Amino acid sequence: MSVRPLRIGTRGSPMALAQTGMVRDRIVAANPGLETEIVVVSTVADRILDRPLSEIGGKGLFTKELEQALFADAIDVAVHSMKDVETWLPDGLVIACILERDDPRDAFLTAGAATCLADLPAGSRVGTSSLRRGAQVLMHRPDLTIVPLRGNANTRMRKLEAGECDATLLALAGLQRLGMESVARSVLSVEEMLPAVAQGALGIECRAGDEAIRALLAPVACSTTTTALDAERGLLAELDGSCRTPIAALAQVQGDRISLDGLLFLPDGSRHWAVHREGAAADAAAIGREAGAELKRAAGDVYFAHLK
C-alpha cells in the first residue's frame, strides 16, 4: 500500500512559496525518504490588495482558507509566518511546530539618497500598511507622512520605484528568504523599530489529533523560539491584539532566562506605552500576559477608546 505524500499548504505569494520550500527541505532532511506535495491555497488577503488589512478583516485573512483546507483534509499541514497567525486558533487546530527564528528586525528601503529614517527630509512619504510600523515612524518622526502600501515585497518595491512613496519598511527575514537582502538601505535597530509579535518566525499548523504528523514535525521545532513566542503572543492575547491595534513586542531567551519588551501605540504615534519584563524562561507565557496587562493598565481609557 502506497503512503500518501505529506501535503503542505501555503499561500501562493513568492514569499510564502520561498519559506514553504525552506520548511519542506527541513522536514525532509529530518525524515529521509519522506515524500511531500506543496498545495497552494488562495487567501482573501492575497486577492484584496487595495485596502488595509484592518478594513477587510485583519491578519486572520492570511490563514483562514488554509485552516479550512486543514479541516477539509485537503492538506496535512499549513505553513505560516507566525506574525500573521491569529491570537486564538480555531478549535481542533494547533501550531505543532515553530522553527528557529530568523532576524526579526525591519529593513529600510528607499529610492532616494537617505540611508535611514532619520535622513528622510520633512514631509517624506513612508509607505506601509502596518499600523505598528506607521505608529513608530511617527513616534520618531512626526514630520513624515504615512501612506498606505500593500502587496508582496516585489510589488511594494515596484511602487517605491514608481514614486508612490519615498521610503518603505519590510521585514528583513522576508528579504533574506527571497535572496533580496541587498535592496535594504539599512536595518533598523529594535530600539528604533520594535518588531511585530513573532516577526521572523515560521510556524506549522495541523489538526490537533494528527499525532503521526506532529511526530514528523517535532525534529525541526526550536524550543528557544517557541519560548520567546509564548511570551510575545501572551502579551498580544492580553491586549486582544488585532490589525487595528499597533502593538510591538520582542522576547529574547538567554539560557533559562527571558526578557520581553513591548510597546502599545496610538496609530498616529502621538502616544505610546512601554513595558519591560524579565524572568524565568519557563514562565514565558505568564510573563507575556503580565506585560500585556501592565500595558493595558497604563494605556487605560485612551486605549479602549481607540478600539471602539
Protein backbone atom coordinates (compact mmCIF):
# COMPACT_ATOMS: atom_id res chain seq x y z
CA MET A 1 0.00 0.00 0.00
CA SER A 2 1.44 3.38 -1.04
CA VAL A 3 1.96 6.10 1.57
CA ARG A 4 0.37 9.46 0.76
CA PRO A 5 2.86 12.39 0.48
CA LEU A 6 2.82 14.98 3.22
CA ARG A 7 0.60 17.72 1.77
CA ILE A 8 1.99 21.11 2.75
CA GLY A 9 -0.42 24.03 2.34
CA THR A 10 0.77 27.52 1.59
CA ARG A 11 -0.30 30.84 0.15
CA GLY A 12 0.86 31.47 -3.40
CA SER A 13 2.92 34.63 -2.95
CA PRO A 14 6.64 34.44 -3.82
CA MET A 15 7.45 34.95 -0.12
CA ALA A 16 5.10 32.21 1.04
CA LEU A 17 6.40 29.77 -1.57
CA ALA A 18 10.03 30.54 -0.69
CA GLN A 19 9.55 29.98 3.02
CA THR A 20 7.41 26.89 2.45
CA GLY A 21 10.22 25.45 0.36
CA MET A 22 12.61 26.09 3.25
CA VAL A 23 10.25 24.38 5.69
CA ARG A 24 9.75 21.39 3.37
CA ASP A 25 13.50 20.95 3.00
CA ARG A 26 13.99 20.91 6.76
CA ILE A 27 11.18 18.41 7.28
CA VAL A 28 12.57 16.09 4.59
CA ALA A 29 16.11 16.39 5.99
CA ALA A 30 14.76 15.29 9.38
CA ASN A 31 12.67 12.49 7.83
CA PRO A 32 14.75 10.96 4.98
CA GLY A 33 12.67 9.44 2.21
CA LEU A 34 9.53 11.40 3.08
CA GLU A 35 7.51 12.36 0.01
CA THR A 36 5.92 15.82 0.03
CA GLU A 37 3.50 17.84 -2.07
CA ILE A 38 3.10 21.62 -1.90
CA VAL A 39 -0.53 22.70 -2.20
CA VAL A 40 -1.17 26.37 -3.00
CA VAL A 41 -4.27 27.84 -1.36
CA SER A 42 -5.54 31.29 -2.39
CA THR A 43 -6.45 33.58 0.51
CA VAL A 44 -8.58 36.72 0.69
CA ALA A 45 -5.57 38.73 1.85
CA ASP A 46 -3.75 37.82 -1.37
CA ARG A 47 -6.69 38.79 -3.56
CA ILE A 48 -7.64 42.15 -2.00
CA LEU A 49 -4.61 44.42 -2.14
CA ASP A 50 -6.17 47.87 -2.38
CA ARG A 51 -7.28 48.21 1.25
CA PRO A 52 -5.53 47.89 4.63
CA LEU A 53 -5.99 44.57 6.41
CA SER A 54 -7.64 46.39 9.29
CA GLU A 55 -10.51 47.31 6.94
CA ILE A 56 -11.13 43.86 5.45
CA GLY A 57 -11.00 41.57 8.45
CA GLY A 58 -7.48 41.57 9.88
CA LYS A 59 -4.49 39.30 9.65
CA GLY A 60 -6.63 36.14 10.00
CA LEU A 61 -7.33 36.59 6.28
CA PHE A 62 -3.84 35.22 5.64
CA THR A 63 -4.71 31.94 7.38
CA LYS A 64 -8.47 31.35 7.13
CA GLU A 65 -8.54 29.42 3.84
CA LEU A 66 -5.52 27.35 4.86
CA GLU A 67 -7.30 26.41 8.08
CA GLN A 68 -10.42 25.50 6.12
CA ALA A 69 -8.25 23.24 3.94
CA LEU A 70 -6.93 21.54 7.09
CA PHE A 71 -10.46 20.91 8.34
CA ALA A 72 -11.44 19.55 4.89
CA ASP A 73 -8.41 17.19 4.88
CA ALA A 74 -7.20 18.83 1.67
CA ILE A 75 -3.79 19.43 3.27
CA ASP A 76 -1.94 17.89 6.21
CA VAL A 77 -0.07 20.97 7.42
CA ALA A 78 -0.08 24.71 6.74
CA VAL A 79 3.00 26.94 6.82
CA HIS A 80 2.50 30.42 8.27
CA SER A 81 4.52 33.47 9.10
CA MET A 82 3.73 33.47 12.80
CA LYS A 83 3.16 37.24 12.80
CA ASP A 84 0.12 36.53 10.57
CA VAL A 85 -1.41 33.93 12.91
CA GLU A 86 -4.42 34.98 14.95
CA THR A 87 -4.03 35.13 18.71
CA TRP A 88 -6.53 32.30 19.16
CA LEU A 89 -6.70 29.30 16.82
CA PRO A 90 -9.90 27.50 15.80
CA ASP A 91 -10.79 24.50 17.98
CA GLY A 92 -9.20 21.38 16.58
CA LEU A 93 -6.11 23.05 15.13
CA VAL A 94 -2.70 23.60 16.73
CA ILE A 95 0.63 25.19 15.90
CA ALA A 96 2.55 21.94 16.12
CA CYS A 97 5.98 23.33 15.35
CA ILE A 98 7.76 26.68 15.40
CA LEU A 99 11.07 26.78 13.57
CA GLU A 100 14.19 28.65 14.62
CA ARG A 101 13.58 32.35 14.26
CA ASP A 102 15.31 34.41 11.60
CA ASP A 103 16.34 38.03 12.15
CA PRO A 104 13.22 39.80 13.49
CA ARG A 105 14.26 43.35 12.58
CA ASP A 106 12.81 45.66 9.92
CA ALA A 107 14.71 46.92 6.88
CA PHE A 108 14.63 50.46 5.48
CA LEU A 109 14.22 50.84 1.71
CA THR A 110 14.24 53.99 -0.40
CA ALA A 111 14.84 55.03 -3.99
CA GLY A 112 16.34 58.29 -2.74
CA ALA A 113 19.58 59.21 -1.01
CA ALA A 114 18.54 58.60 2.60
CA THR A 115 20.24 55.76 4.45
CA CYS A 116 17.80 55.61 7.38
CA LEU A 117 14.58 57.15 8.68
CA ALA A 118 16.47 60.00 10.31
CA ASP A 119 17.84 61.07 6.92
CA LEU A 120 14.45 61.50 5.25
CA PRO A 121 13.51 65.12 4.50
CA ALA A 122 10.49 66.51 6.37
CA GLY A 123 7.25 65.66 4.61
CA SER A 124 8.61 62.47 3.04
CA ARG A 125 6.05 59.74 2.45
CA VAL A 126 6.69 56.39 4.13
CA GLY A 127 4.62 53.63 2.56
CA THR A 128 3.31 50.91 4.85
CA SER A 129 0.06 49.13 5.65
CA SER A 130 1.34 48.18 9.10
CA LEU A 131 -0.12 50.26 11.92
CA ARG A 132 2.83 49.20 14.08
CA ARG A 133 5.41 50.50 11.62
CA GLY A 134 3.43 53.64 10.88
CA ALA A 135 2.99 54.49 14.56
CA GLN A 136 6.69 54.00 15.31
CA VAL A 137 7.74 56.08 12.30
CA LEU A 138 5.50 58.93 13.51
CA MET A 139 6.65 58.47 17.10
CA HIS A 140 10.23 59.23 15.99
CA ARG A 141 9.44 61.48 13.02
CA PRO A 142 6.03 63.22 13.32
CA ASP A 143 7.08 65.39 10.37
CA LEU A 144 6.80 62.40 7.99
CA THR A 145 3.63 61.22 6.25
CA ILE A 146 2.36 57.62 6.24
CA VAL A 147 0.75 56.42 3.00
CA PRO A 148 -0.90 53.00 2.51
CA LEU A 149 1.21 50.40 0.72
CA ARG A 150 0.20 46.74 0.34
CA GLY A 151 1.31 43.84 -1.81
CA ASN A 152 4.16 41.36 -1.72
CA ALA A 153 7.76 42.53 -1.36
CA ASN A 154 8.33 42.84 -5.11
CA THR A 155 5.10 44.78 -5.58
CA ARG A 156 5.97 47.20 -2.81
CA MET A 157 9.43 47.77 -4.22
CA ARG A 158 7.95 48.47 -7.66
CA LYS A 159 5.58 51.00 -6.08
CA LEU A 160 8.54 52.59 -4.30
CA GLU A 161 10.49 52.85 -7.57
CA ALA A 162 7.39 54.29 -9.26
CA GLY A 163 7.30 57.13 -6.74
CA GLU A 164 4.17 56.14 -4.81
CA CYS A 165 6.19 56.73 -1.66
CA ASP A 166 9.67 57.94 -0.72
CA ALA A 167 10.58 55.05 1.57
CA THR A 168 9.16 51.85 2.96
CA LEU A 169 9.89 49.23 5.60
CA LEU A 170 9.95 45.47 5.12
CA ALA A 171 10.76 42.53 7.37
CA LEU A 172 14.44 41.71 7.00
CA ALA A 173 13.73 37.98 7.33
CA GLY A 174 11.43 38.09 4.34
CA LEU A 175 14.01 39.81 2.18
CA GLN A 176 16.61 37.25 3.24
CA ARG A 177 14.31 34.35 2.34
CA LEU A 178 13.84 35.84 -1.12
CA GLY A 179 17.58 36.43 -1.55
CA MET A 180 16.92 40.17 -1.73
CA GLU A 181 18.63 41.43 1.41
CA SER A 182 20.86 43.70 -0.70
CA VAL A 183 17.94 46.01 -1.57
CA ALA A 184 17.79 47.19 2.06
CA ARG A 185 19.46 50.55 2.53
CA SER A 186 19.84 49.81 6.24
CA VAL A 187 18.50 47.62 9.04
CA LEU A 188 16.62 49.36 11.84
CA SER A 189 17.63 48.61 15.41
CA VAL A 190 14.96 47.22 17.71
CA GLU A 191 15.24 50.45 19.70
CA GLU A 192 14.17 52.42 16.62
CA MET A 193 11.59 49.93 15.35
CA LEU A 194 10.44 47.20 17.74
CA PRO A 195 9.28 44.22 15.62
CA ALA A 196 5.82 42.78 15.29
CA VAL A 197 4.91 39.94 17.61
CA ALA A 198 6.54 36.76 16.22
CA GLN A 199 8.20 38.56 13.30
CA GLY A 200 10.87 36.37 11.66
CA ALA A 201 9.36 33.09 12.89
CA LEU A 202 7.66 30.40 10.80
CA GLY A 203 5.08 28.03 12.26
CA ILE A 204 3.44 24.84 11.05
CA GLU A 205 -0.24 24.27 11.81
CA CYS A 206 -2.00 20.89 11.73
CA ARG A 207 -5.05 19.13 13.10
CA ALA A 208 -4.78 18.58 16.84
CA GLY A 209 -5.30 14.81 16.61
CA ASP A 210 -2.72 14.11 13.88
CA GLU A 211 -0.07 12.56 16.12
CA ALA A 212 1.81 11.00 13.19
CA ILE A 213 2.11 14.41 11.55
CA ARG A 214 3.24 16.00 14.78
CA ALA A 215 5.95 13.36 15.10
CA LEU A 216 7.27 14.27 11.65
CA LEU A 217 7.44 17.93 12.63
CA ALA A 218 8.99 17.54 16.07
CA PRO A 219 12.63 17.33 14.88
CA VAL A 220 12.51 20.76 13.20
CA ALA A 221 10.94 22.61 16.14
CA CYS A 222 13.01 25.20 18.03
CA SER A 223 12.31 25.30 21.76
CA THR A 224 14.03 28.68 22.22
CA THR A 225 11.89 30.38 19.56
CA THR A 226 8.78 28.67 20.90
CA THR A 227 9.51 30.06 24.36
CA ALA A 228 10.07 33.58 23.00
CA LEU A 229 6.80 33.46 21.08
CA ASP A 230 4.94 32.18 24.14
CA ALA A 231 5.86 35.46 25.83
CA GLU A 232 5.13 37.69 22.82
CA ARG A 233 1.82 36.04 21.98
CA GLY A 234 0.87 36.07 25.68
CA LEU A 235 1.27 39.85 25.64
CA LEU A 236 -0.77 40.06 22.43
CA ALA A 237 -3.56 37.91 23.84
CA GLU A 238 -3.86 40.05 26.97
CA LEU A 239 -4.31 43.13 24.78
CA ASP A 240 -6.76 41.40 22.41
CA GLY A 241 -4.33 42.39 19.68
CA SER A 242 -5.55 42.73 16.10
CA CYS A 243 -4.66 44.61 12.93
CA ARG A 244 -6.47 47.63 14.42
CA THR A 245 -4.07 47.72 17.34
CA PRO A 246 -0.47 48.91 16.89
CA ILE A 247 1.48 46.53 19.13
CA ALA A 248 5.16 45.57 19.05
CA ALA A 249 7.00 43.03 21.17
CA LEU A 250 10.27 41.13 21.22
CA ALA A 251 11.33 38.44 23.66
CA GLN A 252 14.91 37.21 23.93
CA VAL A 253 15.93 33.98 25.64
CA GLN A 254 19.33 33.50 27.25
CA GLY A 255 19.73 30.13 28.89
CA ASP A 256 16.93 29.73 31.41
CA ARG A 257 16.06 33.44 31.46
CA ILE A 258 13.84 35.55 29.22
CA SER A 259 13.47 39.29 28.70
CA LEU A 260 10.47 40.87 26.98
CA ASP A 261 9.99 44.37 25.61
CA GLY A 262 6.57 45.54 24.50
CA LEU A 263 5.09 48.72 23.06
CA LEU A 264 1.49 49.81 22.56
CA PHE A 265 0.71 52.89 20.43
CA LEU A 266 -1.99 55.13 19.17
CA PRO A 267 -1.95 54.79 15.37
CA ASP A 268 -0.78 58.37 14.85
CA GLY A 269 2.23 57.81 17.11
CA SER A 270 1.19 60.63 19.44
CA ARG A 271 1.04 58.35 22.49
CA HIS A 272 2.82 55.15 23.37
CA TRP A 273 3.28 52.92 26.38
CA ALA A 274 6.26 50.66 27.04
CA VAL A 275 6.89 47.63 29.21
CA HIS A 276 9.96 45.55 30.05
CA ARG A 277 9.82 42.27 31.92
CA GLU A 278 12.41 39.64 32.83
CA GLY A 279 12.07 36.25 34.44
CA ALA A 280 12.42 32.51 34.14
CA ALA A 281 12.04 31.20 30.60
CA ALA A 282 9.74 28.50 31.97
CA ASP A 283 7.28 31.28 32.87
CA ALA A 284 7.33 32.87 29.38
CA ALA A 285 3.58 32.81 28.73
CA ALA A 286 2.77 34.22 32.16
CA ILE A 287 5.41 36.94 31.77
CA GLY A 288 3.83 37.89 28.46
CA ARG A 289 0.34 38.07 29.94
CA GLU A 290 1.58 40.16 32.87
CA ALA A 291 3.35 42.54 30.49
CA GLY A 292 0.21 42.87 28.39
CA ALA A 293 -1.86 43.57 31.49
CA GLU A 294 0.62 46.24 32.55
CA LEU A 295 0.33 47.94 29.15
CA LYS A 296 -3.46 47.78 29.32
CA ARG A 297 -3.47 49.41 32.75
CA ALA A 298 -1.03 52.11 31.65
CA ALA A 299 -2.97 52.98 28.49
CA GLY A 300 -6.32 52.88 30.28
CA ASP A 301 -9.26 54.71 28.75
CA VAL A 302 -7.17 56.08 25.86
CA TYR A 303 -6.53 52.56 24.58
CA PHE A 304 -10.11 51.37 24.92
CA ALA A 305 -11.49 54.48 23.25
CA HIS A 306 -9.29 53.73 20.24
CA LEU A 307 -10.68 50.18 19.96
CA LYS A 308 -14.28 51.40 19.71
